Amino acid sequence: MGRDMLPSSQRHGIALATLTALLFAGSDALIKQLLLFAPLLLVLWLRYLFQIGVMSLWLVARRQASHRVGPWQLQLMRCSFLTVSSVSGYLALSHVSLAVYTALMMMAPVLSVVLGRVVLKETVSTAQWLCVLLGLLGMLAVLRPGLSTWNAHMLWPVACSIAYAAFQVTSRKLMVSADIVISNFLLAVFIATITGFALLIWPVNWTAIGQELGFQWWVMLGGMCLFATAGQLTLTATHQKSTLSVAAPFAYLQIVFAVIIGLLFFGHWPDNMTLLGTALIAVGGAASAWLNGKSPATIQLPSTTP
């Protein structure tokens, strides 16, 4: 039993899933830091301009390019859901701790089980419903609505999680007929266009920003984009190297990394109820990922980087 019983590809998948979790936690931390000095729309616009560049190079590099776009209605829905998730996520990172944001965002794979049952009519077992219940109890423990610790800003990561769950379900439906690289390129173009128009309507003071944003800010921006892009690449590699029932639970290490990074760089340590809720979300999500991983069409590795 143990290491020798696990195929090499599975061990590589676990390592890649763990690395993905660390990269996404680092990217989220850098987003939180960037938003202290620049408007949300500007950071989001620059982030997806970078992704357009990367996806363009990827498309050019592919020798056998596929141009399968799939139904445009689904592409538009997918882009819209991730736009809502990204804006909500950036607002969340502006107002709540990294650990709370990550824990609540990790509800997305659990919520996608519910949406998959309602929208796609997927079969959900009793064990999977118990995982959903665990996740919801954990969310309530983190939010504590009506109590003195209640903070309305915590609704932003909840909105982000719901929108991302809808994005995952739409992606599952779309990827049957569409190419993933083309779809992600269209996604980046859509969000960059929306945020670009928004910047025209609500213009930023470029002179003031230019004076305030030093070289260090641009280094952090580059690091955030690189971490997010590298995380997406390792996420894709994880899908290729390992079965999701083995690798997906390790993606929940992102919560652990978020707590550690939040403590080291932001001085945030979750209280006991938040830690309990976070643990319930992680257990429910990881168990759901393990159960659903036996049916690859119904699960994706969790990701919180908008």
C-alpha atoms as a PDB file:
ATOM      1  CA  MET A   1       0.000   0.000   0.000  1.00  0.00           C
ATOM      2  CA  GLY A   2       1.043   3.648  -0.348  1.00  0.00           C
ATOM      3  CA  ARG A   3       3.472   5.171  -2.772  1.00  0.00           C
ATOM      4  CA  ASP A   4       4.433   1.947  -4.613  1.00  0.00           C
ATOM      5  CA  MET A   5       0.770   1.057  -5.197  1.00  0.00           C
ATOM      6  CA  LEU A   6       0.082   4.401  -6.902  1.00  0.00           C
ATOM      7  CA  PRO A   7       1.003   4.627 -10.613  1.00  0.00           C
ATOM      8  CA  SER A   8       3.624   7.189 -11.570  1.00  0.00           C
ATOM      9  CA  SER A   9       1.120   9.228 -13.616  1.00  0.00           C
ATOM     10  CA  GLN A  10      -1.177   9.488 -10.594  1.00  0.00           C
ATOM     11  CA  ARG A  11       1.667  10.701  -8.374  1.00  0.00           C
ATOM     12  CA  HIS A  12       2.532  13.304 -11.005  1.00  0.00           C
ATOM     13  CA  GLY A  13      -1.129  14.334 -11.105  1.00  0.00           C
ATOM     14  CA  ILE A  14      -1.204  14.805  -7.326  1.00  0.00           C
ATOM     15  CA  ALA A  15       1.980  16.893  -7.462  1.00  0.00           C
ATOM     16  CA  LEU A  16       0.541  19.024 -10.276  1.00  0.00           C
ATOM     17  CA  ALA A  17      -2.767  19.500  -8.410  1.00  0.00           C
ATOM     18  CA  THR A  18      -0.836  20.647  -5.322  1.00  0.00           C
ATOM     19  CA  LEU A  19       1.286  23.029  -7.416  1.00  0.00           C
ATOM     20  CA  THR A  20      -1.873  24.378  -9.066  1.00  0.00           C
ATOM     21  CA  ALA A  21      -3.368  25.096  -5.646  1.00  0.00           C
ATOM     22  CA  LEU A  22      -0.223  26.985  -4.595  1.00  0.00           C
ATOM     23  CA  LEU A  23      -0.104  29.010  -7.831  1.00  0.00           C
ATOM     24  CA  PHE A  24      -3.764  30.005  -7.569  1.00  0.00           C
ATOM     25  CA  ALA A  25      -3.392  30.985  -3.908  1.00  0.00           C
ATOM     26  CA  GLY A  26      -0.372  33.122  -4.834  1.00  0.00           C
ATOM     27  CA  SER A  27      -2.253  34.715  -7.725  1.00  0.00           C
ATOM     28  CA  ASP A  28      -5.211  35.581  -5.482  1.00  0.00           C
ATOM     29  CA  ALA A  29      -2.868  37.118  -2.903  1.00  0.00           C
ATOM     30  CA  LEU A  30      -1.230  39.293  -5.568  1.00  0.00           C
ATOM     31  CA  ILE A  31      -4.652  40.402  -6.858  1.00  0.00           C
ATOM     32  CA  LYS A  32      -5.568  41.436  -3.312  1.00  0.00           C
ATOM     33  CA  GLN A  33      -2.364  43.449  -3.029  1.00  0.00           C
ATOM     34  CA  LEU A  34      -2.742  45.049  -6.478  1.00  0.00           C
ATOM     35  CA  LEU A  35      -6.260  46.232  -5.669  1.00  0.00           C
ATOM     36  CA  LEU A  36      -4.894  48.307  -2.786  1.00  0.00           C
ATOM     37  CA  PHE A  37      -3.308  50.677  -5.307  1.00  0.00           C
ATOM     38  CA  ALA A  38      -5.323  50.494  -8.542  1.00  0.00           C
ATOM     39  CA  PRO A  39      -8.995  50.341  -9.626  1.00  0.00           C
ATOM     40  CA  LEU A  40     -10.592  46.918  -9.963  1.00  0.00           C
ATOM     41  CA  LEU A  41     -11.492  47.416 -13.635  1.00  0.00           C
ATOM     42  CA  LEU A  42      -7.923  48.332 -14.559  1.00  0.00           C
ATOM     43  CA  VAL A  43      -6.436  45.244 -12.887  1.00  0.00           C
ATOM     44  CA  LEU A  44      -9.072  42.971 -14.439  1.00  0.00           C
ATOM     45  CA  TRP A  45      -8.580  44.509 -17.903  1.00  0.00           C
ATOM     46  CA  LEU A  46      -4.794  44.105 -17.782  1.00  0.00           C
ATOM     47  CA  ARG A  47      -5.109  40.541 -16.480  1.00  0.00           C
ATOM     48  CA  TYR A  48      -7.245  39.461 -19.464  1.00  0.00           C
ATOM     49  CA  LEU A  49      -5.161  41.396 -21.985  1.00  0.00           C
ATOM     50  CA  PHE A  50      -2.287  39.215 -20.808  1.00  0.00           C
ATOM     51  CA  GLN A  51      -4.415  36.105 -21.281  1.00  0.00           C
ATOM     52  CA  ILE A  52      -5.320  37.196 -24.823  1.00  0.00           C
ATOM     53  CA  GLY A  53      -1.603  37.376 -25.614  1.00  0.00           C
ATOM     54  CA  VAL A  54      -0.893  33.952 -24.144  1.00  0.00           C
ATOM     55  CA  MET A  55      -3.873  32.292 -25.841  1.00  0.00           C
ATOM     56  CA  SER A  56      -2.959  33.931 -29.172  1.00  0.00           C
ATOM     57  CA  LEU A  57       0.543  32.447 -28.971  1.00  0.00           C
ATOM     58  CA  TRP A  58      -0.951  29.083 -28.027  1.00  0.00           C
ATOM     59  CA  LEU A  59      -3.264  29.149 -31.056  1.00  0.00           C
ATOM     60  CA  VAL A  60      -0.407  30.091 -33.372  1.00  0.00           C
ATOM     61  CA  ALA A  61       1.822  27.355 -31.940  1.00  0.00           C
ATOM     62  CA  ARG A  62      -0.730  24.601 -32.479  1.00  0.00           C
ATOM     63  CA  ARG A  63      -0.035  22.834 -35.738  1.00  0.00           C
ATOM     64  CA  GLN A  64      -3.416  21.195 -35.983  1.00  0.00           C
ATOM     65  CA  ALA A  65      -5.674  24.001 -34.880  1.00  0.00           C
ATOM     66  CA  SER A  66      -9.296  23.191 -34.224  1.00  0.00           C
ATOM     67  CA  HIS A  67     -11.855  25.887 -34.942  1.00  0.00           C
ATOM     68  CA  ARG A  68     -14.803  24.279 -33.198  1.00  0.00           C
ATOM     69  CA  VAL A  69     -16.632  27.113 -31.485  1.00  0.00           C
ATOM     70  CA  GLY A  70     -19.781  25.256 -30.507  1.00  0.00           C
ATOM     71  CA  PRO A  71     -23.128  26.966 -29.955  1.00  0.00           C
ATOM     72  CA  TRP A  72     -22.676  30.734 -29.659  1.00  0.00           C
ATOM     73  CA  GLN A  73     -25.429  30.939 -27.059  1.00  0.00           C
ATOM     74  CA  LEU A  74     -23.425  28.682 -24.740  1.00  0.00           C
ATOM     75  CA  GLN A  75     -20.214  30.605 -25.454  1.00  0.00           C
ATOM     76  CA  LEU A  76     -21.959  33.862 -24.538  1.00  0.00           C
ATOM     77  CA  MET A  77     -23.404  32.347 -21.365  1.00  0.00           C
ATOM     78  CA  ARG A  78     -20.005  30.944 -20.371  1.00  0.00           C
ATOM     79  CA  CYS A  79     -18.303  34.305 -20.931  1.00  0.00           C
ATOM     80  CA  SER A  80     -21.030  36.166 -19.030  1.00  0.00           C
ATOM     81  CA  PHE A  81     -20.880  33.831 -16.032  1.00  0.00           C
ATOM     82  CA  LEU A  82     -17.098  34.169 -15.725  1.00  0.00           C
ATOM     83  CA  THR A  83     -17.327  37.962 -16.097  1.00  0.00           C
ATOM     84  CA  VAL A  84     -19.746  38.093 -13.155  1.00  0.00           C
ATOM     85  CA  SER A  85     -17.546  35.666 -11.210  1.00  0.00           C
ATOM     86  CA  SER A  86     -14.380  37.697 -11.914  1.00  0.00           C
ATOM     87  CA  VAL A  87     -15.878  41.060 -10.942  1.00  0.00           C
ATOM     88  CA  SER A  88     -17.436  39.566  -7.796  1.00  0.00           C
ATOM     89  CA  GLY A  89     -14.154  37.839  -6.971  1.00  0.00           C
ATOM     90  CA  TYR A  90     -12.122  41.038  -7.283  1.00  0.00           C
ATOM     91  CA  LEU A  91     -14.658  42.888  -5.115  1.00  0.00           C
ATOM     92  CA  ALA A  92     -14.400  40.057  -2.573  1.00  0.00           C
ATOM     93  CA  LEU A  93     -10.612  40.203  -2.507  1.00  0.00           C
ATOM     94  CA  SER A  94     -10.884  43.963  -1.903  1.00  0.00           C
ATOM     95  CA  HIS A  95     -12.964  43.502   1.248  1.00  0.00           C
ATOM     96  CA  VAL A  96     -12.503  40.073   2.864  1.00  0.00           C
ATOM     97  CA  SER A  97      -9.523  38.033   3.980  1.00  0.00           C
ATOM     98  CA  LEU A  98      -7.810  35.688   1.556  1.00  0.00           C
ATOM     99  CA  ALA A  99      -8.758  32.629   3.636  1.00  0.00           C
ATOM    100  CA  VAL A 100     -12.471  33.533   3.749  1.00  0.00           C
ATOM    101  CA  TYR A 101     -12.515  34.314   0.029  1.00  0.00           C
ATOM    102  CA  THR A 102     -10.839  31.019  -0.865  1.00  0.00           C
ATOM    103  CA  ALA A 103     -13.044  28.948   1.432  1.00  0.00           C
ATOM    104  CA  LEU A 104     -16.273  30.413   0.058  1.00  0.00           C
ATOM    105  CA  MET A 105     -15.043  30.187  -3.534  1.00  0.00           C
ATOM    106  CA  MET A 106     -14.288  26.501  -2.998  1.00  0.00           C
ATOM    107  CA  MET A 107     -18.065  26.064  -2.719  1.00  0.00           C
ATOM    108  CA  ALA A 108     -18.225  26.337  -6.530  1.00  0.00           C
ATOM    109  CA  PRO A 109     -17.549  22.628  -7.301  1.00  0.00           C
ATOM    110  CA  VAL A 110     -20.106  21.630  -4.653  1.00  0.00           C
ATOM    111  CA  LEU A 111     -22.696  24.056  -6.048  1.00  0.00           C
ATOM    112  CA  SER A 112     -21.994  22.778  -9.565  1.00  0.00           C
ATOM    113  CA  VAL A 113     -23.293  19.379  -8.394  1.00  0.00           C
ATOM    114  CA  VAL A 114     -26.648  21.029  -7.613  1.00  0.00           C
ATOM    115  CA  LEU A 115     -26.699  22.974 -10.883  1.00  0.00           C
ATOM    116  CA  GLY A 116     -25.656  19.876 -12.818  1.00  0.00           C
ATOM    117  CA  ARG A 117     -28.659  18.032 -11.379  1.00  0.00           C
ATOM    118  CA  VAL A 118     -31.096  20.885 -12.042  1.00  0.00           C
ATOM    119  CA  VAL A 119     -29.806  22.085 -15.414  1.00  0.00           C
ATOM    120  CA  LEU A 120     -28.131  19.053 -17.019  1.00  0.00           C
ATOM    121  CA  LYS A 121     -30.278  16.407 -15.261  1.00  0.00           C
ATOM    122  CA  GLU A 122     -27.138  14.625 -14.034  1.00  0.00           C
ATOM    123  CA  THR A 123     -27.531  11.800 -11.521  1.00  0.00           C
ATOM    124  CA  VAL A 124     -26.569  12.795  -7.976  1.00  0.00           C
ATOM    125  CA  SER A 125     -26.080  10.108  -5.332  1.00  0.00           C
ATOM    126  CA  THR A 126     -27.018  10.311  -1.654  1.00  0.00           C
ATOM    127  CA  ALA A 127     -23.339  10.616  -0.746  1.00  0.00           C
ATOM    128  CA  GLN A 128     -22.974  13.573  -3.109  1.00  0.00           C
ATOM    129  CA  TRP A 129     -25.983  15.312  -1.544  1.00  0.00           C
ATOM    130  CA  LEU A 130     -24.358  14.799   1.869  1.00  0.00           C
ATOM    131  CA  CYS A 131     -21.235  16.529   0.512  1.00  0.00           C
ATOM    132  CA  VAL A 132     -23.392  19.429  -0.646  1.00  0.00           C
ATOM    133  CA  LEU A 133     -24.962  19.628   2.830  1.00  0.00           C
ATOM    134  CA  LEU A 134     -21.512  19.682   4.459  1.00  0.00           C
ATOM    135  CA  GLY A 135     -20.449  22.493   2.150  1.00  0.00           C
ATOM    136  CA  LEU A 136     -23.574  24.541   2.885  1.00  0.00           C
ATOM    137  CA  LEU A 137     -23.114  24.084   6.646  1.00  0.00           C
ATOM    138  CA  GLY A 138     -19.519  25.211   6.260  1.00  0.00           C
ATOM    139  CA  MET A 139     -20.622  28.270   4.292  1.00  0.00           C
ATOM    140  CA  LEU A 140     -23.090  29.226   7.041  1.00  0.00           C
ATOM    141  CA  ALA A 141     -20.350  28.806   9.664  1.00  0.00           C
ATOM    142  CA  VAL A 142     -18.115  31.201   7.728  1.00  0.00           C
ATOM    143  CA  LEU A 143     -20.857  33.750   6.944  1.00  0.00           C
ATOM    144  CA  ARG A 144     -22.795  33.613  10.251  1.00  0.00           C
ATOM    145  CA  PRO A 145     -25.668  35.785   8.944  1.00  0.00           C
ATOM    146  CA  GLY A 146     -27.434  37.821  11.606  1.00  0.00           C
ATOM    147  CA  LEU A 147     -24.594  37.580  14.125  1.00  0.00           C
ATOM    148  CA  SER A 148     -22.272  40.369  15.234  1.00  0.00           C
ATOM    149  CA  THR A 149     -19.494  39.042  12.994  1.00  0.00           C
ATOM    150  CA  TRP A 150     -21.703  39.332   9.901  1.00  0.00           C
ATOM    151  CA  ASN A 151     -20.135  41.323   7.088  1.00  0.00           C
ATOM    152  CA  ALA A 152     -22.204  42.081   3.982  1.00  0.00           C
ATOM    153  CA  HIS A 153     -19.016  42.081   1.894  1.00  0.00           C
ATOM    154  CA  MET A 154     -18.916  38.296   2.398  1.00  0.00           C
ATOM    155  CA  LEU A 155     -21.740  38.080  -0.125  1.00  0.00           C
ATOM    156  CA  TRP A 156     -19.233  38.917  -2.873  1.00  0.00           C
ATOM    157  CA  PRO A 157     -17.353  35.589  -2.657  1.00  0.00           C
ATOM    158  CA  VAL A 158     -20.707  33.794  -2.432  1.00  0.00           C
ATOM    159  CA  ALA A 159     -21.849  35.523  -5.644  1.00  0.00           C
ATOM    160  CA  CYS A 160     -18.481  34.696  -7.177  1.00  0.00           C
ATOM    161  CA  SER A 161     -18.853  31.040  -6.208  1.00  0.00           C
ATOM    162  CA  ILE A 162     -22.388  30.751  -7.610  1.00  0.00           C
ATOM    163  CA  ALA A 163     -21.388  32.410 -10.896  1.00  0.00           C
ATOM    164  CA  TYR A 164     -18.313  30.173 -11.162  1.00  0.00           C
ATOM    165  CA  ALA A 165     -20.429  27.066 -10.544  1.00  0.00           C
ATOM    166  CA  ALA A 166     -22.702  28.181 -13.395  1.00  0.00           C
ATOM    167  CA  PHE A 167     -19.567  28.730 -15.515  1.00  0.00           C
ATOM    168  CA  GLN A 168     -18.397  25.163 -14.766  1.00  0.00           C
ATOM    169  CA  VAL A 169     -21.755  23.638 -15.671  1.00  0.00           C
ATOM    170  CA  THR A 170     -21.928  25.653 -18.905  1.00  0.00           C
ATOM    171  CA  SER A 171     -18.366  24.613 -19.716  1.00  0.00           C
ATOM    172  CA  ARG A 172     -19.263  20.936 -19.307  1.00  0.00           C
ATOM    173  CA  LYS A 173     -22.113  21.386 -21.764  1.00  0.00           C
ATOM    174  CA  LEU A 174     -20.053  23.444 -24.226  1.00  0.00           C
ATOM    175  CA  MET A 175     -16.889  21.328 -24.279  1.00  0.00           C
ATOM    176  CA  VAL A 176     -18.806  18.488 -25.912  1.00  0.00           C
ATOM    177  CA  SER A 177     -18.772  20.466 -29.175  1.00  0.00           C
ATOM    178  CA  ALA A 178     -16.206  23.258 -28.728  1.00  0.00           C
ATOM    179  CA  ASP A 179     -12.416  23.484 -28.615  1.00  0.00           C
ATOM    180  CA  ILE A 180     -11.089  24.448 -25.160  1.00  0.00           C
ATOM    181  CA  VAL A 181      -8.292  26.702 -26.447  1.00  0.00           C
ATOM    182  CA  ILE A 182     -10.589  28.612 -28.813  1.00  0.00           C
ATOM    183  CA  SER A 183     -13.174  28.913 -26.042  1.00  0.00           C
ATOM    184  CA  ASN A 184     -10.647  30.313 -23.550  1.00  0.00           C
ATOM    185  CA  PHE A 185      -9.383  32.777 -26.165  1.00  0.00           C
ATOM    186  CA  LEU A 186     -12.946  34.009 -26.796  1.00  0.00           C
ATOM    187  CA  LEU A 187     -13.427  34.214 -23.025  1.00  0.00           C
ATOM    188  CA  ALA A 188     -10.403  36.485 -22.593  1.00  0.00           C
ATOM    189  CA  VAL A 189     -11.472  38.691 -25.527  1.00  0.00           C
ATOM    190  CA  PHE A 190     -14.996  39.009 -24.106  1.00  0.00           C
ATOM    191  CA  ILE A 191     -13.902  40.034 -20.600  1.00  0.00           C
ATOM    192  CA  ALA A 192     -11.162  42.372 -21.863  1.00  0.00           C
ATOM    193  CA  THR A 193     -13.699  44.047 -24.177  1.00  0.00           C
ATOM    194  CA  ILE A 194     -16.324  44.439 -21.440  1.00  0.00           C
ATOM    195  CA  THR A 195     -13.849  45.853 -18.932  1.00  0.00           C
ATOM    196  CA  GLY A 196     -12.295  48.067 -21.633  1.00  0.00           C
ATOM    197  CA  PHE A 197     -15.680  49.639 -22.423  1.00  0.00           C
ATOM    198  CA  ALA A 198     -16.331  50.013 -18.692  1.00  0.00           C
ATOM    199  CA  LEU A 199     -13.056  51.936 -18.348  1.00  0.00           C
ATOM    200  CA  LEU A 200     -14.249  54.291 -21.099  1.00  0.00           C
ATOM    201  CA  ILE A 201     -17.502  54.916 -19.234  1.00  0.00           C
ATOM    202  CA  TRP A 202     -15.834  55.228 -15.826  1.00  0.00           C
ATOM    203  CA  PRO A 203     -12.395  56.559 -16.806  1.00  0.00           C
ATOM    204  CA  VAL A 204      -9.503  56.298 -14.398  1.00  0.00           C
ATOM    205  CA  ASN A 205      -7.094  59.104 -13.633  1.00  0.00           C
ATOM    206  CA  TRP A 206      -4.102  57.778 -15.554  1.00  0.00           C
ATOM    207  CA  THR A 207      -1.870  60.650 -14.448  1.00  0.00           C
ATOM    208  CA  ALA A 208      -2.526  59.998 -10.764  1.00  0.00           C
ATOM    209  CA  ILE A 209      -2.203  56.245 -11.241  1.00  0.00           C
ATOM    210  CA  GLY A 210       1.051  56.681 -13.148  1.00  0.00           C
ATOM    211  CA  GLN A 211       2.467  58.688 -10.261  1.00  0.00           C
ATOM    212  CA  GLU A 212       1.309  56.204  -7.632  1.00  0.00           C
ATOM    213  CA  LEU A 213       2.105  52.929  -9.379  1.00  0.00           C
ATOM    214  CA  GLY A 214       5.770  52.222  -9.166  1.00  0.00           C
ATOM    215  CA  PHE A 215       7.906  49.509 -10.695  1.00  0.00           C
ATOM    216  CA  GLN A 216       7.015  47.143  -7.853  1.00  0.00           C
ATOM    217  CA  TRP A 217       3.305  47.317  -8.763  1.00  0.00           C
ATOM    218  CA  TRP A 218       4.016  46.311 -12.353  1.00  0.00           C
ATOM    219  CA  VAL A 219       6.220  43.456 -11.138  1.00  0.00           C
ATOM    220  CA  MET A 220       3.332  42.232  -8.952  1.00  0.00           C
ATOM    221  CA  LEU A 221       0.949  42.520 -11.911  1.00  0.00           C
ATOM    222  CA  GLY A 222       3.301  40.460 -14.063  1.00  0.00           C
ATOM    223  CA  GLY A 223       3.667  37.921 -11.267  1.00  0.00           C
ATOM    224  CA  MET A 224      -0.100  37.656 -10.842  1.00  0.00           C
ATOM    225  CA  CYS A 225      -0.624  37.069 -14.578  1.00  0.00           C
ATOM    226  CA  LEU A 226       2.183  34.516 -14.704  1.00  0.00           C
ATOM    227  CA  PHE A 227       0.916  32.661 -11.618  1.00  0.00           C
ATOM    228  CA  ALA A 228      -2.641  32.559 -12.991  1.00  0.00           C
ATOM    229  CA  THR A 229      -1.479  31.403 -16.427  1.00  0.00           C
ATOM    230  CA  ALA A 230       0.920  28.811 -14.997  1.00  0.00           C
ATOM    231  CA  GLY A 231      -1.894  27.593 -12.749  1.00  0.00           C
ATOM    232  CA  GLN A 232      -4.169  27.094 -15.753  1.00  0.00           C
ATOM    233  CA  LEU A 233      -1.410  25.154 -17.534  1.00  0.00           C
ATOM    234  CA  THR A 234      -0.712  22.890 -14.546  1.00  0.00           C
ATOM    235  CA  LEU A 235      -4.477  22.445 -14.135  1.00  0.00           C
ATOM    236  CA  THR A 236      -4.673  21.199 -17.730  1.00  0.00           C
ATOM    237  CA  ALA A 237      -1.660  18.935 -17.157  1.00  0.00           C
ATOM    238  CA  THR A 238      -3.326  17.511 -14.040  1.00  0.00           C
ATOM    239  CA  HIS A 239      -6.344  16.499 -16.118  1.00  0.00           C
ATOM    240  CA  GLN A 240      -4.005  14.722 -18.532  1.00  0.00           C
ATOM    241  CA  LYS A 241      -1.781  12.987 -15.955  1.00  0.00           C
ATOM    242  CA  SER A 242      -4.234  11.739 -13.362  1.00  0.00           C
ATOM    243  CA  THR A 243      -7.798  10.633 -12.833  1.00  0.00           C
ATOM    244  CA  LEU A 244      -9.803  13.386 -11.167  1.00  0.00           C
ATOM    245  CA  SER A 245     -10.950  11.144  -8.313  1.00  0.00           C
ATOM    246  CA  VAL A 246      -7.280  10.987  -7.219  1.00  0.00           C
ATOM    247  CA  ALA A 247      -6.114  14.534  -8.008  1.00  0.00           C
ATOM    248  CA  ALA A 248      -9.151  16.737  -7.330  1.00  0.00           C
ATOM    249  CA  PRO A 249      -9.155  16.435  -3.495  1.00  0.00           C
ATOM    250  CA  PHE A 250      -5.590  17.793  -3.417  1.00  0.00           C
ATOM    251  CA  ALA A 251      -6.792  20.987  -5.096  1.00  0.00           C
ATOM    252  CA  TYR A 252      -8.401  21.861  -1.758  1.00  0.00           C
ATOM    253  CA  LEU A 253      -4.935  22.419  -0.347  1.00  0.00           C
ATOM    254  CA  GLN A 254      -5.447  25.895  -1.799  1.00  0.00           C
ATOM    255  CA  ILE A 255      -7.429  26.706   1.349  1.00  0.00           C
ATOM    256  CA  VAL A 256      -4.420  25.753   3.485  1.00  0.00           C
ATOM    257  CA  PHE A 257      -2.073  27.813   1.308  1.00  0.00           C
ATOM    258  CA  ALA A 258      -4.481  30.774   1.471  1.00  0.00           C
ATOM    259  CA  VAL A 259      -4.560  30.659   5.286  1.00  0.00           C
ATOM    260  CA  ILE A 260      -0.738  30.538   5.468  1.00  0.00           C
ATOM    261  CA  ILE A 261      -0.246  33.337   2.902  1.00  0.00           C
ATOM    262  CA  GLY A 262      -2.945  35.440   4.554  1.00  0.00           C
ATOM    263  CA  LEU A 263      -1.198  35.120   7.911  1.00  0.00           C
ATOM    264  CA  LEU A 264       2.325  35.780   6.591  1.00  0.00           C
ATOM    265  CA  PHE A 265       1.580  38.709   4.262  1.00  0.00           C
ATOM    266  CA  PHE A 266      -1.688  40.242   5.495  1.00  0.00           C
ATOM    267  CA  GLY A 267      -1.716  39.348   9.186  1.00  0.00           C
ATOM    268  CA  HIS A 268      -5.096  37.596   8.858  1.00  0.00           C
ATOM    269  CA  TRP A 269      -5.830  34.540  10.967  1.00  0.00           C
ATOM    270  CA  PRO A 270      -9.367  33.051  10.777  1.00  0.00           C
ATOM    271  CA  ASP A 271     -11.347  32.727  14.002  1.00  0.00           C
ATOM    272  CA  ASN A 272     -12.443  29.312  15.246  1.00  0.00           C
ATOM    273  CA  MET A 273     -15.867  29.333  13.565  1.00  0.00           C
ATOM    274  CA  THR A 274     -14.314  30.361  10.250  1.00  0.00           C
ATOM    275  CA  LEU A 275     -11.762  27.559  10.573  1.00  0.00           C
ATOM    276  CA  LEU A 276     -14.569  25.073  11.313  1.00  0.00           C
ATOM    277  CA  GLY A 277     -16.592  26.281   8.332  1.00  0.00           C
ATOM    278  CA  THR A 278     -13.518  26.168   6.115  1.00  0.00           C
ATOM    279  CA  ALA A 279     -12.823  22.579   7.216  1.00  0.00           C
ATOM    280  CA  LEU A 280     -16.428  21.546   6.453  1.00  0.00           C
ATOM    281  CA  ILE A 281     -16.250  23.129   2.985  1.00  0.00           C
ATOM    282  CA  ALA A 282     -12.909  21.433   2.294  1.00  0.00           C
ATOM    283  CA  VAL A 283     -14.126  17.999   3.458  1.00  0.00           C
ATOM    284  CA  GLY A 284     -17.414  18.293   1.566  1.00  0.00           C
ATOM    285  CA  GLY A 285     -15.718  19.579  -1.559  1.00  0.00           C
ATOM    286  CA  ALA A 286     -12.872  17.065  -1.539  1.00  0.00           C
ATOM    287  CA  ALA A 287     -15.276  14.159  -0.943  1.00  0.00           C
ATOM    288  CA  SER A 288     -17.543  15.429  -3.716  1.00  0.00           C
ATOM    289  CA  ALA A 289     -14.545  15.725  -6.039  1.00  0.00           C
ATOM    290  CA  TRP A 290     -13.500  12.159  -5.224  1.00  0.00           C
ATOM    291  CA  LEU A 291     -17.004  10.792  -5.825  1.00  0.00           C
ATOM    292  CA  ASN A 292     -17.602  12.763  -9.004  1.00  0.00           C
ATOM    293  CA  GLY A 293     -14.095  12.083 -10.289  1.00  0.00           C
ATOM    294  CA  LYS A 294     -15.233   8.553 -11.108  1.00  0.00           C
ATOM    295  CA  SER A 295     -17.414  10.178 -13.765  1.00  0.00           C
ATOM    296  CA  PRO A 296     -15.042  12.686 -15.454  1.00  0.00           C
ATOM    297  CA  ALA A 297     -17.808  14.455 -17.338  1.00  0.00           C
ATOM    298  CA  THR A 298     -19.324  15.757 -14.122  1.00  0.00           C
ATOM    299  CA  ILE A 299     -16.364  17.311 -12.312  1.00  0.00           C
ATOM    300  CA  GLN A 300     -13.647  19.884 -12.816  1.00  0.00           C
ATOM    301  CA  LEU A 301     -10.734  20.631 -10.576  1.00  0.00           C
ATOM    302  CA  PRO A 302     -11.579  23.633  -8.428  1.00  0.00           C
ATOM    303  CA  SER A 303      -9.997  26.964  -9.286  1.00  0.00           C
ATOM    304  CA  THR A 304     -10.483  30.268  -7.546  1.00  0.00           C
ATOM    305  CA  THR A 305      -8.317  32.569  -9.601  1.00  0.00           C
ATOM    306  CA  PRO A 306     -10.654  34.925 -11.494  1.00  0.00           C
END
